[in-house]
Amino acid sequence: MTSGALADRLGAGLRTIERDLARLRDSGVPIETVAGAHGGSRIVANQQPRPLTLTFAETAALISSLTALGPTATDSAESAMRALVRSIAADGE
């Protein structure tokens, strides 16, 4: 997806998108950028991520971040929120 298209979709400025992509790259997220008319940026990642184990604090941080971004903004966000909340819920809840 182009930075411009992402900016339009999220209602953000192009400079914000470019800055955020740079931050993601700097933090180690594998982002590929292709220049040109059919170019754009994408995360280069395994489509079957390995299972991960999070501490309570890490899970809480992700829940807080997702809440700030909009926990129901996309199907993926909503699904992620449900999974995170389920992971910290008391048994039977």
Protein backbone atom coordinates (compact mmCIF):
# COMPACT_ATOMS: atom_id res chain seq x y z
CA MET A 1 0.00 0.00 0.00
CA THR A 2 1.34 3.44 -0.78
CA SER A 3 2.03 5.86 2.04
CA GLY A 4 -0.52 8.25 0.51
CA ALA A 5 -3.22 5.58 0.41
CA LEU A 6 -2.47 4.60 3.99
CA ALA A 7 -2.59 8.25 5.07
CA ASP A 8 -5.99 8.66 3.39
CA ARG A 9 -7.34 5.44 4.91
CA LEU A 10 -6.23 6.39 8.42
CA GLY A 11 -6.97 10.09 8.15
CA ALA A 12 -3.34 10.90 8.90
CA GLY A 13 -0.79 13.09 7.19
CA LEU A 14 1.75 11.68 4.76
CA ARG A 15 4.64 12.85 6.96
CA THR A 16 3.09 11.02 9.93
CA ILE A 17 2.90 7.79 7.93
CA GLU A 18 6.48 8.13 6.71
CA ARG A 19 7.69 8.85 10.27
CA ASP A 20 5.78 5.86 11.64
CA LEU A 21 7.17 3.56 8.94
CA ALA A 22 10.68 4.74 9.84
CA ARG A 23 10.01 4.05 13.53
CA LEU A 24 8.77 0.57 12.71
CA ARG A 25 11.86 -0.12 10.57
CA ASP A 26 14.11 1.22 13.35
CA SER A 27 12.45 -1.11 15.85
CA GLY A 28 13.21 -4.11 13.65
CA VAL A 29 9.92 -4.62 11.80
CA PRO A 30 10.83 -5.97 8.35
CA ILE A 31 9.23 -3.41 6.01
CA GLU A 32 9.86 -3.56 2.29
CA THR A 33 9.40 -0.43 0.21
CA VAL A 34 9.10 -0.48 -3.58
CA ALA A 35 9.29 2.78 -5.51
CA GLY A 36 7.27 3.56 -8.62
CA ALA A 37 3.70 3.71 -9.84
CA HIS A 38 2.83 0.28 -8.44
CA GLY A 39 5.08 0.58 -5.39
CA GLY A 40 4.33 0.92 -1.74
CA SER A 41 5.31 -0.49 1.63
CA ARG A 42 4.51 -3.81 3.18
CA ILE A 43 5.56 -5.85 6.15
CA VAL A 44 7.66 -8.79 5.03
CA ALA A 45 6.76 -11.50 7.48
CA ASN A 46 5.97 -15.14 7.90
CA GLN A 47 2.28 -15.71 7.21
CA GLN A 48 2.22 -18.32 9.98
CA PRO A 49 3.78 -16.50 12.95
CA ARG A 50 5.35 -18.57 15.68
CA PRO A 51 3.42 -18.78 18.95
CA LEU A 52 4.55 -16.23 21.48
CA THR A 53 4.36 -15.87 25.21
CA LEU A 54 3.66 -12.47 26.72
CA THR A 55 3.87 -11.33 30.29
CA PHE A 56 0.82 -9.72 31.89
CA ALA A 57 2.47 -6.30 31.52
CA GLU A 58 3.19 -6.89 27.83
CA THR A 59 -0.40 -8.00 27.24
CA ALA A 60 -1.73 -4.97 29.11
CA ALA A 61 0.50 -2.69 27.02
CA LEU A 62 -0.86 -4.19 23.80
CA ILE A 63 -4.45 -3.86 25.03
CA SER A 64 -3.82 -0.21 25.93
CA SER A 65 -2.21 0.50 22.56
CA LEU A 66 -4.97 -1.23 20.64
CA THR A 67 -7.60 0.66 22.62
CA ALA A 68 -5.96 3.96 21.68
CA LEU A 69 -5.90 2.98 18.00
CA GLY A 70 -9.44 1.66 17.85
CA PRO A 71 -10.04 -1.90 19.02
CA THR A 72 -12.85 -2.46 16.54
CA ALA A 73 -11.46 -0.42 13.62
CA THR A 74 -10.79 -3.58 11.60
CA ASP A 75 -11.67 -7.25 11.85
CA SER A 76 -8.04 -8.00 12.71
CA ALA A 77 -7.98 -5.40 15.48
CA GLU A 78 -11.19 -6.74 16.97
CA SER A 79 -9.93 -10.33 16.80
CA ALA A 80 -6.62 -9.34 18.38
CA MET A 81 -8.39 -7.51 21.20
CA ARG A 82 -10.57 -10.54 21.95
CA ALA A 83 -7.51 -12.82 22.01
CA LEU A 84 -5.57 -10.48 24.30
CA VAL A 85 -8.47 -10.07 26.73
CA ARG A 86 -9.11 -13.84 26.72
CA SER A 87 -5.46 -14.45 27.57
CA ILE A 88 -5.71 -12.49 30.83
CA ALA A 89 -9.30 -13.31 31.80
CA ALA A 90 -9.88 -15.47 34.85
CA ASP A 91 -10.80 -19.08 34.04
CA GLY A 92 -14.37 -19.47 32.94
CA GLU A 93 -14.86 -15.86 31.88
